[in-house]
Amino acid sequence: MKTFEIVRKRALSPNTISYELYAPLVAAACQSGQFVILRVDEDGERVPFTVADYDRAAGTVTVIVQTVGATTYKLSKMEQGGVLADVVGPLGKPTDLGDAQNVILVGGGIGSAVIYPQAAALKNAGRRVSVILGAKTKELVINEEGFAARSDRLIITTDDGSYGRKGFVTDALKELLDEGGYDAVFAVGPLPMMRAVCRLTGGYGVKTIVSMNSVMVDGTGMCGCCRVTVGGKIKYACVDGPEFDGSLVDFDEAIARSLVYRQAEQEHYCRLTGGKR
């Protein structure tokens, strides 16, 4: 088996693919909440993905990728047995929820992949875990079976009501918070979703951690692309995060920054796919 080989590839939902990669040095050191930066080929851009799972014995790490841009499109065309140019990691700080014993994990869209290792770690530590998964439609719900086995309570919401509850993750979150007894919330998903979660939990005084999916280049804090304002201070998601106290994050600024390269990325994607989106 070659280093950085795709050991297993499987579709989880339309445009969402799980890649199990042979990267023994990364697998030996990574912890929940950390990420890797990979390149599909020697001429490719460096793209960060949170480690969704890892197997130290097998020497593999798993990333779950939504095919939305040029690099993820190129990755989607690689088959099992293909070899990536490189995988660097683990990067970032691991998740720290302190001594919280009763935690709510909230995953929106592809963010559900990021909270999976936390669910497993918390469950293995004997803590109580409630999971809320949100998706636009039933087809986009990720890893329901895995979460069911690693949580004490699982709630699924869909925007269109095609599966689980109709509505947003914040609707289900409010119900749980009204019950009381929760020590912390960990939320990962689109920036507007995380902002809405933090605005809600702020009214309950519940500690809320979010994972910032900022644009990254080098992953070492040198380029400054992933900067985010936290508590009025500049932080870098790659070295100071990617997880921060959500109540301190300037989400309006983060959302504005996330839109900077969207048009260029769409144009590149369209050139690769012949205009198909």
Foldseek 3Di string as FASTA:
>chain_A
DDAQAFQDWDAFFVQKIKTKGQAQVQLQDDAQAFWKWFAQEPPGATAIFGFLDHDNVRRITMGMDGPDFDRSVVVVPDDHGDGGHDIDDRFFDHDDPDPWQAEEEEEEQSSVSRCLRVLQVNVVVVGAYEYEYEYQAPRRTGDPVSNVVRHPYYAYEHCVCNDGHHDGSVVVVLVVVVVDDGAEYEYEDDLVNLLVNLVVVVVSVHFYKYFQNFDDGPLPCPPLRQWWFFQNDTDHCSYHHSMDGSNRTPSVVRVVSRCPCVVVRQVSRCVVVVHDD
